[in-house]
N, C-alpha and C. Protein backbone atom coordinates (compact mmCIF):
# COMPACT_ATOMS: atom_id res chain seq x y z
N MET A 1 8.45 -61.19 -36.82
CA MET A 1 7.35 -61.24 -35.91
C MET A 1 7.38 -59.50 -35.79
N ASP A 2 6.24 -59.07 -35.67
CA ASP A 2 6.07 -57.70 -35.48
C ASP A 2 5.96 -57.26 -33.96
N ALA A 3 6.38 -56.20 -33.77
CA ALA A 3 6.37 -55.97 -32.25
C ALA A 3 5.06 -55.43 -32.23
N VAL A 4 4.55 -55.44 -30.68
CA VAL A 4 3.41 -55.06 -30.27
C VAL A 4 3.24 -53.73 -29.95
N GLN A 5 2.49 -52.97 -30.44
CA GLN A 5 2.37 -51.32 -30.30
C GLN A 5 1.73 -51.10 -29.00
N PRO A 6 1.94 -50.17 -28.16
CA PRO A 6 1.34 -50.08 -27.14
C PRO A 6 0.13 -49.18 -27.20
N LEU A 7 -0.84 -49.35 -26.22
CA LEU A 7 -1.91 -48.57 -26.94
C LEU A 7 -1.87 -47.17 -26.55
N PRO A 8 -2.35 -46.37 -27.21
CA PRO A 8 -2.26 -45.02 -26.95
C PRO A 8 -2.71 -44.63 -25.33
N VAL A 9 -2.31 -44.01 -24.55
CA VAL A 9 -2.22 -43.46 -23.13
C VAL A 9 -3.65 -42.48 -23.32
N ARG A 10 -4.73 -42.83 -22.61
CA ARG A 10 -5.67 -41.65 -22.50
C ARG A 10 -6.14 -41.47 -21.15
N VAL A 11 -5.85 -42.47 -20.02
CA VAL A 11 -5.89 -42.15 -18.73
C VAL A 11 -4.68 -41.99 -18.01
N THR A 12 -4.31 -41.06 -17.09
CA THR A 12 -3.42 -40.81 -16.05
C THR A 12 -4.07 -40.92 -14.80
N LEU A 13 -3.46 -41.71 -14.05
CA LEU A 13 -3.53 -42.02 -12.69
C LEU A 13 -2.35 -41.26 -11.63
N ILE A 14 -2.75 -40.20 -11.00
CA ILE A 14 -1.65 -39.68 -10.20
C ILE A 14 -1.98 -39.75 -8.87
N GLY A 15 -0.95 -40.35 -8.16
CA GLY A 15 -1.18 -40.82 -6.83
C GLY A 15 -0.04 -40.86 -5.87
N ARG A 16 0.23 -41.52 -5.10
CA ARG A 16 1.37 -41.88 -4.44
C ARG A 16 1.38 -43.43 -3.85
N PRO A 17 2.40 -44.14 -3.45
CA PRO A 17 2.43 -45.18 -3.04
C PRO A 17 2.02 -45.33 -1.55
N GLY A 18 1.31 -46.41 -0.87
CA GLY A 18 0.72 -46.35 0.08
C GLY A 18 -0.56 -45.89 0.30
N CYS A 19 -1.09 -45.24 -0.77
CA CYS A 19 -2.42 -44.52 -0.63
C CYS A 19 -3.54 -45.50 -0.88
N HIS A 20 -4.14 -46.00 0.14
CA HIS A 20 -5.22 -46.80 -0.43
C HIS A 20 -6.37 -46.48 -1.13
N LEU A 21 -6.52 -44.86 -1.39
CA LEU A 21 -7.56 -44.60 -2.41
C LEU A 21 -6.87 -44.78 -3.61
N CYS A 22 -5.79 -44.27 -3.83
CA CYS A 22 -5.10 -44.72 -4.83
C CYS A 22 -5.32 -46.31 -5.42
N ASP A 23 -4.93 -47.18 -4.53
CA ASP A 23 -4.80 -48.63 -4.68
C ASP A 23 -6.19 -48.78 -5.51
N THR A 24 -7.20 -48.29 -4.95
CA THR A 24 -8.61 -48.79 -5.22
C THR A 24 -9.07 -47.82 -6.71
N ALA A 25 -8.31 -46.83 -6.75
CA ALA A 25 -8.63 -46.17 -7.84
C ALA A 25 -7.73 -46.84 -9.21
N ARG A 26 -6.61 -47.41 -8.92
CA ARG A 26 -5.76 -48.16 -9.94
C ARG A 26 -6.47 -49.51 -10.54
N GLU A 27 -7.16 -50.06 -9.31
CA GLU A 27 -8.05 -51.46 -9.73
C GLU A 27 -8.97 -51.12 -10.68
N THR A 28 -9.68 -49.73 -10.25
CA THR A 28 -10.71 -49.63 -11.39
C THR A 28 -10.34 -49.06 -12.77
N ILE A 29 -9.42 -48.33 -12.86
CA ILE A 29 -8.90 -47.86 -14.25
C ILE A 29 -8.06 -48.81 -14.76
N GLU A 30 -7.53 -49.85 -14.16
CA GLU A 30 -6.91 -51.14 -14.89
C GLU A 30 -7.84 -51.73 -15.39
N ARG A 31 -8.94 -52.30 -14.71
CA ARG A 31 -9.99 -53.18 -15.25
C ARG A 31 -10.50 -52.53 -16.30
N VAL A 32 -11.27 -51.42 -16.23
CA VAL A 32 -11.80 -50.58 -17.42
C VAL A 32 -11.12 -50.40 -18.51
N SER A 33 -9.82 -49.89 -18.66
CA SER A 33 -8.82 -49.77 -19.45
C SER A 33 -8.62 -51.18 -20.40
N ALA A 34 -8.69 -52.06 -19.58
CA ALA A 34 -8.40 -53.42 -20.39
C ALA A 34 -9.55 -53.96 -20.97
N GLU A 35 -10.83 -53.52 -20.69
CA GLU A 35 -11.88 -53.97 -20.83
C GLU A 35 -12.34 -52.97 -22.44
N LEU A 36 -11.53 -51.77 -22.23
CA LEU A 36 -12.07 -50.99 -23.47
C LEU A 36 -10.92 -50.78 -24.37
N GLY A 37 -9.63 -51.61 -24.10
CA GLY A 37 -8.52 -51.08 -24.79
C GLY A 37 -7.99 -50.00 -24.90
N VAL A 38 -7.84 -49.42 -23.89
CA VAL A 38 -7.18 -48.29 -23.56
C VAL A 38 -5.95 -48.25 -23.18
N GLY A 39 -5.21 -47.49 -23.46
CA GLY A 39 -3.77 -47.57 -22.47
C GLY A 39 -4.14 -46.41 -21.46
N TRP A 40 -3.35 -46.67 -20.23
CA TRP A 40 -3.06 -45.73 -19.13
C TRP A 40 -1.85 -45.92 -18.48
N GLN A 41 -1.30 -44.60 -17.75
CA GLN A 41 -0.13 -44.73 -16.96
C GLN A 41 -0.35 -44.16 -15.38
N GLU A 42 0.46 -44.24 -14.92
CA GLU A 42 0.63 -44.08 -13.32
C GLU A 42 1.69 -42.91 -12.88
N CYS A 43 1.70 -41.86 -12.16
CA CYS A 43 2.44 -41.15 -12.09
C CYS A 43 2.48 -40.94 -10.54
N SER A 44 3.59 -40.74 -9.79
CA SER A 44 3.53 -40.64 -8.29
C SER A 44 4.12 -39.05 -8.08
N ILE A 45 3.28 -38.26 -7.22
CA ILE A 45 3.47 -37.31 -6.79
C ILE A 45 4.73 -37.01 -5.99
N ASP A 46 5.32 -38.29 -5.24
CA ASP A 46 6.69 -38.54 -4.80
C ASP A 46 7.71 -38.20 -5.69
N ASP A 47 7.54 -38.39 -7.01
CA ASP A 47 8.62 -38.23 -7.89
C ASP A 47 8.59 -37.10 -8.85
N ASP A 48 7.72 -36.32 -8.59
CA ASP A 48 7.55 -34.94 -9.38
C ASP A 48 7.11 -33.90 -8.64
N ALA A 49 7.98 -32.72 -8.44
CA ALA A 49 7.65 -31.69 -7.58
C ALA A 49 6.35 -30.97 -8.03
N GLN A 50 6.42 -30.63 -9.58
CA GLN A 50 5.37 -30.26 -9.89
C GLN A 50 4.05 -30.83 -9.60
N LEU A 51 3.75 -32.18 -9.90
CA LEU A 51 2.68 -32.89 -9.66
C LEU A 51 2.18 -33.02 -8.26
N ARG A 52 3.05 -32.80 -7.20
CA ARG A 52 3.16 -32.87 -5.88
C ARG A 52 2.18 -31.22 -5.61
N GLU A 53 3.16 -30.38 -6.31
CA GLU A 53 2.60 -29.01 -5.92
C GLU A 53 0.69 -28.71 -6.42
N GLU A 54 1.01 -29.31 -7.64
CA GLU A 54 -0.60 -29.21 -8.04
C GLU A 54 -1.68 -30.02 -7.61
N TRP A 55 -1.13 -31.36 -7.12
CA TRP A 55 -2.43 -32.10 -6.81
C TRP A 55 -2.44 -32.93 -5.40
N ALA A 56 -1.43 -33.02 -4.68
CA ALA A 56 -1.20 -33.21 -3.47
C ALA A 56 -2.48 -33.31 -2.54
N GLU A 57 -3.29 -32.47 -2.52
CA GLU A 57 -4.56 -32.49 -1.98
C GLU A 57 -5.68 -33.42 -2.51
N GLN A 58 -5.27 -33.71 -3.55
CA GLN A 58 -6.71 -34.36 -4.31
C GLN A 58 -6.22 -35.72 -4.63
N ILE A 59 -5.02 -36.38 -4.39
CA ILE A 59 -4.96 -37.71 -4.73
C ILE A 59 -6.13 -38.77 -4.30
N PRO A 60 -6.20 -39.72 -5.10
CA PRO A 60 -5.96 -39.86 -6.49
C PRO A 60 -6.42 -39.16 -7.41
N VAL A 61 -5.97 -38.48 -8.49
CA VAL A 61 -6.30 -37.70 -9.62
C VAL A 61 -6.22 -38.61 -10.61
N THR A 62 -7.31 -38.69 -11.70
CA THR A 62 -7.69 -39.15 -12.53
C THR A 62 -7.67 -38.04 -13.90
N LEU A 63 -6.52 -38.39 -14.85
CA LEU A 63 -7.12 -37.46 -15.84
C LEU A 63 -7.44 -38.28 -17.23
N VAL A 64 -8.45 -37.78 -17.97
CA VAL A 64 -8.74 -38.45 -19.25
C VAL A 64 -8.31 -37.47 -20.43
N ASP A 65 -7.35 -37.97 -21.40
CA ASP A 65 -6.77 -37.29 -22.30
C ASP A 65 -6.31 -35.95 -21.88
N GLY A 66 -5.76 -35.85 -20.49
CA GLY A 66 -4.66 -34.86 -20.00
C GLY A 66 -5.56 -33.76 -19.34
N ARG A 67 -6.86 -34.03 -19.13
CA ARG A 67 -7.73 -33.34 -18.47
C ARG A 67 -8.05 -33.79 -17.24
N GLN A 68 -8.43 -33.05 -16.13
CA GLN A 68 -8.80 -33.43 -15.06
C GLN A 68 -10.18 -34.42 -14.73
N HIS A 69 -10.49 -35.61 -14.74
CA HIS A 69 -11.48 -36.23 -14.74
C HIS A 69 -12.44 -36.43 -13.32
N ASP A 70 -11.56 -36.99 -12.50
CA ASP A 70 -11.96 -37.30 -11.01
C ASP A 70 -10.89 -37.03 -10.16
N TYR A 71 -11.11 -37.17 -8.67
CA TYR A 71 -10.15 -37.02 -7.90
C TYR A 71 -11.07 -37.51 -6.62
N TRP A 72 -9.85 -38.20 -5.51
CA TRP A 72 -10.04 -39.05 -4.63
C TRP A 72 -10.82 -40.39 -4.90
N ARG A 73 -11.84 -40.53 -5.63
CA ARG A 73 -12.63 -41.66 -6.10
C ARG A 73 -12.48 -41.74 -7.64
N VAL A 74 -12.76 -43.13 -8.11
CA VAL A 74 -12.92 -43.14 -9.70
C VAL A 74 -14.18 -43.48 -9.74
N ASP A 75 -15.10 -42.74 -10.30
CA ASP A 75 -16.56 -43.23 -10.76
C ASP A 75 -16.25 -44.06 -11.97
N GLU A 76 -16.64 -45.24 -11.78
CA GLU A 76 -16.69 -46.24 -13.01
C GLU A 76 -17.39 -45.90 -14.27
N THR A 77 -18.72 -45.79 -14.11
CA THR A 77 -19.60 -45.16 -14.69
C THR A 77 -19.10 -43.80 -15.76
N ARG A 78 -18.62 -42.71 -15.07
CA ARG A 78 -18.16 -41.70 -15.85
C ARG A 78 -17.07 -41.86 -16.27
N LEU A 79 -16.21 -43.03 -15.92
CA LEU A 79 -14.98 -43.20 -16.65
C LEU A 79 -15.28 -43.59 -17.89
N ARG A 80 -16.08 -44.84 -17.80
CA ARG A 80 -16.23 -45.54 -19.20
C ARG A 80 -17.13 -44.53 -20.22
N ALA A 81 -17.77 -43.79 -19.59
CA ALA A 81 -18.59 -42.49 -20.59
C ALA A 81 -17.39 -41.71 -21.28
N ALA A 82 -16.45 -41.23 -20.15
CA ALA A 82 -15.44 -40.30 -20.97
C ALA A 82 -14.67 -41.30 -22.11
N LEU A 83 -14.39 -42.44 -21.77
CA LEU A 83 -13.32 -43.22 -22.87
C LEU A 83 -14.30 -43.80 -24.00
N ALA A 84 -15.66 -43.61 -23.89
CA ALA A 84 -16.58 -44.12 -24.80
C ALA A 84 -16.42 -42.71 -25.97
N ALA A 85 -16.17 -41.52 -25.51
CA ALA A 85 -15.93 -40.32 -26.31
C ALA A 85 -14.68 -40.60 -27.20
N PRO A 86 -14.51 -40.10 -28.52
CA PRO A 86 -13.29 -40.02 -28.96
C PRO A 86 -12.23 -38.89 -28.08
N PRO A 87 -10.78 -39.60 -28.42
CA PRO A 87 -10.03 -38.96 -27.34
C PRO A 87 -10.18 -37.22 -27.61
N ALA A 88 -9.65 -36.28 -26.77
CA ALA A 88 -10.10 -34.97 -27.06
C ALA A 88 -8.72 -34.56 -27.69
N VAL A 89 -8.75 -33.63 -28.37
CA VAL A 89 -7.69 -32.88 -28.87
C VAL A 89 -6.91 -32.21 -27.62
N ARG A 90 -5.59 -32.13 -27.93
CA ARG A 90 -5.00 -31.38 -26.69
C ARG A 90 -4.33 -30.18 -27.29
């Protein structure tokens, strides 16, 4: 039996537990990523001092291909458009 390969991560959600805006962003990212077959990950500013220093005032922050895409709210139309483009080269 072949192992299932994880999808390449294109979206990163930076937030924190208990953040209602983060919960809403997570739902949107989860749904859009699943529909488009895109991998995503979530990082908490509570677990990473560097993330906290950089993003604490803007959470939730959405990165697409490692670049800031949105903060505070995730615009589903903009996210879909960004993910329709080929992955950006880092």
